[in-house]
Amino acid sequence: MLITLQSIFLGVNDTDRRILLYLFRDGRISLHRISKVTRIDYSTIKYRFKYLRERGILRGFQLYVNPAFFGLRRVFLLSSESIPRLANMALEFRCIEGPTLYEFACGSKQELNDLCSKYQNTILECWLPSRIHSEKISRFDYEIIKALNSDPRAPNPVIAKVLKVPTKQVKKHIEFLYSNNYIRVFPDTQIDGSSLLMFTLISMRPLHVRSLLLNNLVWEYRDKKKGVFVCCFDGLQSLTGILHQSKELDPSIRVLVKSRYAVYDYYNNSLTAGRSV
């Protein structure tokens, strides 16, 4: 499902926007944690979260799985035109004006060549990250992915009960998957575009720029030479300050204003088969 960030919903207050902002930062964050970091009473957070769900503003949550987890080749494309949804499409970030950023999962060189050949007239840039060796990925990590695919916000104790293992073991493996950028949980939401702003920043000095974006990161890809950071801000004031500092560190940084995003479950066949690719 393609999600728009420009729809306006009446009745969304500051607390709602703060809840949504924290859910963009980490879709698995608990309501208790949001209450603690925002210093807003838990009962209020719980009530407004329920309100967002009942109004259809927050429809649910979606699990993103890095194609490298399955041993697939990650391919990033900047396209001047929209590409119809394909079976191997993992992510899509559309701009208000300008190119759309896509991530694809390719299982072979031929699949990659076919993709680039088919859309060669619209592709502005193509990045092929180095393959990530997955020796550390265990069968248990795969079982956790299956559990999260069913319920991306399932608490660790619930997953532990389903898998019949200690909660500490689940916590350790989820932290491993997050820290290695193998998974991310996105809110499936439509929000007031004038309140939360989504941007993609493309930098040739990723290690320097990233430190400024930590509190606003939604998703990222980076290596030593290039970084692609998708960020969410709660207003123009916070955004302006970050962009100013980022451009001081990297004058060549590119900023793309996002209007819609989508997370695709390209990996369902792998999960159904009961094994990684």
Protein backbone atom coordinates (compact mmCIF):
# COMPACT_ATOMS: atom_id res chain seq x y z
CA MET A 1 0.00 0.00 0.00
CA LEU A 2 1.33 3.41 -0.96
CA ILE A 3 1.14 5.88 1.90
CA THR A 4 0.70 9.62 1.45
CA LEU A 5 2.16 12.17 3.84
CA GLN A 6 0.05 15.05 2.54
CA SER A 7 -3.47 14.11 3.66
CA ILE A 8 -4.86 16.46 6.32
CA PHE A 9 -6.77 15.01 9.25
CA LEU A 10 -8.80 17.25 11.52
CA GLY A 11 -8.40 16.64 15.23
CA VAL A 12 -4.73 15.59 15.19
CA ASN A 13 -3.09 17.40 18.11
CA ASP A 14 0.50 17.95 19.24
CA THR A 15 0.50 14.75 21.29
CA ASP A 16 -0.62 12.76 18.25
CA ARG A 17 2.18 14.23 16.17
CA ARG A 18 4.76 13.41 18.83
CA ILE A 19 3.49 9.83 19.00
CA LEU A 20 3.73 9.49 15.22
CA LEU A 21 7.21 11.01 15.18
CA TYR A 22 8.50 8.46 17.69
CA LEU A 23 6.82 5.64 15.80
CA PHE A 24 8.66 6.74 12.65
CA ARG A 25 11.93 6.65 14.57
CA ASP A 26 11.19 3.17 15.90
CA GLY A 27 7.99 1.36 15.00
CA ARG A 28 8.48 -1.08 17.90
CA ILE A 29 8.79 1.55 20.62
CA SER A 30 6.38 0.88 23.47
CA LEU A 31 3.74 3.36 24.57
CA HIS A 32 5.32 3.33 28.03
CA ARG A 33 8.62 4.38 26.47
CA ILE A 34 6.94 7.18 24.48
CA SER A 35 5.32 8.37 27.70
CA LYS A 36 8.68 8.42 29.46
CA VAL A 37 10.66 10.28 26.79
CA THR A 38 7.90 12.81 26.07
CA ARG A 39 6.95 13.21 29.75
CA ILE A 40 3.31 12.86 28.80
CA ASP A 41 1.08 10.80 31.07
CA TYR A 42 0.82 7.18 29.91
CA SER A 43 -2.98 7.20 29.98
CA THR A 44 -2.94 10.16 27.56
CA ILE A 45 -0.48 8.42 25.22
CA LYS A 46 -2.58 5.25 25.30
CA TYR A 47 -5.79 7.17 24.60
CA ARG A 48 -4.33 9.17 21.70
CA PHE A 49 -2.73 6.04 20.20
CA LYS A 50 -6.16 4.36 20.28
CA TYR A 51 -7.66 7.50 18.72
CA LEU A 52 -5.14 7.40 15.86
CA ARG A 53 -5.99 3.76 15.20
CA GLU A 54 -9.76 4.23 15.36
CA ARG A 55 -9.66 7.25 13.05
CA GLY A 56 -7.64 5.31 10.49
CA ILE A 57 -4.76 7.76 10.70
CA LEU A 58 -2.54 4.96 11.99
CA ARG A 59 -3.61 1.85 10.11
CA GLY A 60 -0.98 -0.49 11.49
CA PHE A 61 2.69 -1.32 11.04
CA GLN A 62 4.85 -2.83 8.31
CA LEU A 63 8.04 -4.85 8.55
CA TYR A 64 10.98 -3.94 6.32
CA VAL A 65 13.61 -6.65 5.86
CA ASN A 66 16.96 -5.80 4.30
CA PRO A 67 17.43 -7.99 1.19
CA ALA A 68 20.94 -8.81 2.44
CA PHE A 69 19.33 -10.86 5.21
CA PHE A 70 18.24 -13.37 2.57
CA GLY A 71 21.54 -13.18 0.70
CA LEU A 72 20.01 -11.06 -2.07
CA ARG A 73 21.68 -8.21 -3.92
CA ARG A 74 20.49 -4.77 -2.82
CA VAL A 75 19.89 -2.34 -5.67
CA PHE A 76 19.05 1.34 -5.20
CA LEU A 77 17.58 3.36 -8.04
CA LEU A 78 16.77 7.03 -8.41
CA SER A 79 14.11 7.22 -11.10
CA SER A 80 12.68 10.26 -12.85
CA GLU A 81 9.35 8.44 -13.20
CA SER A 82 7.36 6.10 -10.99
CA ILE A 83 8.06 2.40 -11.44
CA PRO A 84 5.02 0.08 -11.09
CA ARG A 85 5.20 -2.26 -8.14
CA LEU A 86 7.37 -5.27 -8.91
CA ALA A 87 7.68 -8.54 -7.02
CA ASN A 88 11.24 -7.72 -5.95
CA MET A 89 10.56 -4.13 -4.85
CA ALA A 90 11.46 -3.57 -1.18
CA LEU A 91 11.04 0.17 -0.59
CA GLU A 92 9.74 3.26 -2.35
CA PHE A 93 10.14 6.90 -1.35
CA ARG A 94 8.40 9.34 -3.71
CA CYS A 95 9.17 13.03 -4.00
CA ILE A 96 6.77 15.94 -4.26
CA GLU A 97 8.90 17.06 -7.19
CA GLY A 98 11.97 15.18 -8.30
CA PRO A 99 13.19 11.58 -8.50
CA THR A 100 11.78 8.60 -6.60
CA LEU A 101 14.09 6.42 -4.53
CA TYR A 102 13.62 2.64 -4.79
CA GLU A 103 15.25 -0.37 -3.24
CA PHE A 104 15.07 -3.72 -5.03
CA ALA A 105 16.11 -7.23 -4.03
CA CYS A 106 17.78 -9.09 -6.90
CA GLY A 107 18.60 -12.77 -6.69
CA SER A 108 20.88 -12.91 -9.72
CA LYS A 109 22.95 -10.78 -12.05
CA GLN A 110 20.44 -11.47 -14.82
CA GLU A 111 17.58 -10.16 -12.67
CA LEU A 112 19.59 -7.01 -12.02
CA ASN A 113 20.41 -6.56 -15.71
CA ASP A 114 16.76 -7.06 -16.69
CA LEU A 115 15.65 -4.43 -14.17
CA CYS A 116 18.15 -1.83 -15.32
CA SER A 117 17.47 -2.55 -18.99
CA LYS A 118 13.70 -2.24 -18.62
CA TYR A 119 13.88 1.17 -16.90
CA GLN A 120 17.06 2.54 -18.44
CA ASN A 121 15.26 5.61 -19.80
CA THR A 122 14.06 6.71 -16.36
CA ILE A 123 16.96 5.64 -14.11
CA LEU A 124 19.03 8.63 -13.04
CA GLU A 125 21.35 6.79 -10.66
CA CYS A 126 21.98 3.18 -9.65
CA TRP A 127 23.88 2.04 -6.56
CA LEU A 128 25.01 -1.51 -5.86
CA PRO A 129 26.15 -1.89 -2.25
CA SER A 130 28.80 -4.48 -1.50
CA ARG A 131 27.32 -7.78 -0.42
CA ILE A 132 27.05 -8.27 3.34
CA HIS A 133 28.33 -11.65 4.47
CA SER A 134 25.65 -13.25 6.58
CA GLU A 135 27.66 -15.81 8.57
CA LYS A 136 26.29 -14.37 11.82
CA ILE A 137 22.67 -14.79 10.76
CA SER A 138 21.20 -17.79 12.54
CA ARG A 139 18.15 -19.94 12.01
CA PHE A 140 16.69 -18.31 15.11
CA ASP A 141 17.00 -14.86 13.49
CA TYR A 142 14.96 -16.23 10.63
CA GLU A 143 12.26 -17.45 13.05
CA ILE A 144 12.10 -13.99 14.59
CA ILE A 145 11.58 -12.46 11.14
CA LYS A 146 8.64 -14.81 10.62
CA ALA A 147 7.15 -13.79 13.97
CA LEU A 148 7.59 -10.08 13.25
CA ASN A 149 6.06 -10.50 9.82
CA SER A 150 2.87 -11.62 11.55
CA ASP A 151 2.98 -8.79 14.10
CA PRO A 152 5.76 -6.18 13.70
CA ARG A 153 5.05 -4.72 17.16
CA ALA A 154 4.79 -8.02 19.01
CA PRO A 155 6.45 -7.56 22.45
CA ASN A 156 9.55 -9.62 23.13
CA PRO A 157 7.80 -11.78 25.78
CA VAL A 158 5.05 -12.66 23.29
CA ILE A 159 7.59 -13.71 20.65
CA ALA A 160 9.51 -15.66 23.28
CA LYS A 161 6.36 -17.53 24.26
CA VAL A 162 5.58 -18.41 20.63
CA LEU A 163 9.14 -19.60 19.97
CA LYS A 164 9.44 -21.23 23.42
CA VAL A 165 12.69 -19.49 24.35
CA PRO A 166 13.76 -17.02 27.07
CA THR A 167 12.76 -13.38 26.52
CA LYS A 168 16.42 -12.34 26.87
CA GLN A 169 17.29 -14.46 23.85
CA VAL A 170 14.62 -12.77 21.73
CA LYS A 171 15.74 -9.32 22.90
CA LYS A 172 19.37 -10.07 22.02
CA HIS A 173 18.56 -11.24 18.50
CA ILE A 174 16.18 -8.37 17.74
CA GLU A 175 18.86 -5.92 18.86
CA PHE A 176 21.29 -7.71 16.51
CA LEU A 177 18.87 -7.42 13.59
CA TYR A 178 18.26 -3.73 14.29
CA SER A 179 21.89 -2.78 14.86
CA ASN A 180 22.91 -4.39 11.57
CA ASN A 181 20.05 -2.69 9.70
CA TYR A 182 18.48 -6.02 8.79
CA ILE A 183 15.01 -4.95 9.92
CA ARG A 184 12.96 -1.85 10.51
CA VAL A 185 9.32 -1.38 11.49
CA PHE A 186 7.42 1.44 9.77
CA PRO A 187 4.06 2.88 10.82
CA ASP A 188 1.40 2.46 8.15
CA THR A 189 0.01 5.95 8.41
CA GLN A 190 -1.30 9.07 6.77
CA ILE A 191 -0.36 12.25 8.58
CA ASP A 192 -0.72 16.00 8.23
CA GLY A 193 2.01 16.94 5.79
CA SER A 194 2.40 20.36 7.38
CA SER A 195 3.25 18.82 10.75
CA LEU A 196 5.58 15.94 9.96
CA LEU A 197 7.98 16.36 7.08
CA MET A 198 9.86 13.50 5.43
CA PHE A 199 13.10 14.12 3.56
CA THR A 200 15.80 12.05 1.93
CA LEU A 201 19.35 13.34 2.25
CA ILE A 202 22.05 11.94 -0.03
CA SER A 203 25.55 12.70 1.21
CA MET A 204 29.08 11.93 0.08
CA ARG A 205 30.25 12.40 3.69
CA PRO A 206 27.89 9.98 5.44
CA LEU A 207 29.89 9.45 8.62
CA HIS A 208 29.94 13.18 9.34
CA VAL A 209 26.33 13.91 8.42
CA ARG A 210 24.76 10.89 10.12
CA SER A 211 25.58 12.11 13.62
CA LEU A 212 23.30 15.12 13.05
CA LEU A 213 20.38 12.95 11.95
CA LEU A 214 20.25 10.28 14.65
CA ASN A 215 17.16 11.69 16.36
CA ASN A 216 15.26 11.90 13.07
CA LEU A 217 16.31 8.77 11.19
CA VAL A 218 13.57 6.62 9.70
CA TRP A 219 15.75 4.49 7.41
CA GLU A 220 19.30 4.60 6.06
CA TYR A 221 21.81 3.05 3.73
CA ARG A 222 25.45 4.05 4.00
CA ASP A 223 28.95 2.97 3.24
CA LYS A 224 32.22 4.89 3.46
CA LYS A 225 31.55 6.93 0.31
CA LYS A 226 27.80 7.54 0.22
CA GLY A 227 24.89 7.76 2.62
CA VAL A 228 21.15 7.82 1.93
CA PHE A 229 19.19 8.97 4.97
CA VAL A 230 15.40 9.15 5.18
CA CYS A 231 14.39 11.42 8.05
CA CYS A 232 11.19 12.68 9.63
CA PHE A 233 10.85 16.09 11.30
CA ASP A 234 8.07 17.61 13.38
CA GLY A 235 8.29 21.06 11.80
CA LEU A 236 10.25 23.46 9.63
CA GLN A 237 12.21 24.91 12.54
CA SER A 238 13.90 21.65 13.51
CA LEU A 239 14.37 20.73 9.85
CA THR A 240 15.99 24.05 8.90
CA GLY A 241 18.58 23.79 11.65
CA ILE A 242 19.58 20.25 10.71
CA LEU A 243 19.81 21.06 6.99
CA HIS A 244 21.99 24.10 7.68
CA GLN A 245 24.44 22.05 9.75
CA SER A 246 24.41 19.20 7.22
CA LYS A 247 25.28 21.52 4.35
CA GLU A 248 28.16 22.95 6.35
CA LEU A 249 29.58 19.44 6.70
CA ASP A 250 28.79 18.45 3.11
CA PRO A 251 28.12 21.34 0.68
CA SER A 252 27.22 18.81 -2.04
CA ILE A 253 24.45 17.16 0.00
CA ARG A 254 21.18 16.63 -1.86
CA VAL A 255 17.80 17.04 -0.20
CA LEU A 256 14.65 15.43 -1.62
CA VAL A 257 11.24 16.26 -0.14
CA LYS A 258 9.20 13.07 0.20
CA SER A 259 5.46 12.94 -0.34
CA ARG A 260 4.76 9.21 -0.15
CA TYR A 261 6.49 6.04 0.94
CA ALA A 262 5.81 2.32 0.74
CA VAL A 263 7.22 -0.81 2.35
CA TYR A 264 6.78 -4.00 0.31
CA ASP A 265 6.76 -7.61 1.50
CA TYR A 266 8.91 -8.96 -1.32
CA TYR A 267 10.20 -11.65 1.05
CA ASN A 268 6.91 -13.53 1.60
CA ASN A 269 7.88 -16.39 -0.69
CA SER A 270 11.06 -16.94 1.29
CA LEU A 271 9.12 -17.05 4.56
CA THR A 272 6.48 -19.38 3.11
CA ALA A 273 9.18 -21.72 1.87
CA GLY A 274 10.51 -21.91 5.40
CA ARG A 275 14.08 -21.13 4.50
CA SER A 276 16.24 -18.17 3.55
CA VAL A 277 17.13 -17.62 -0.09
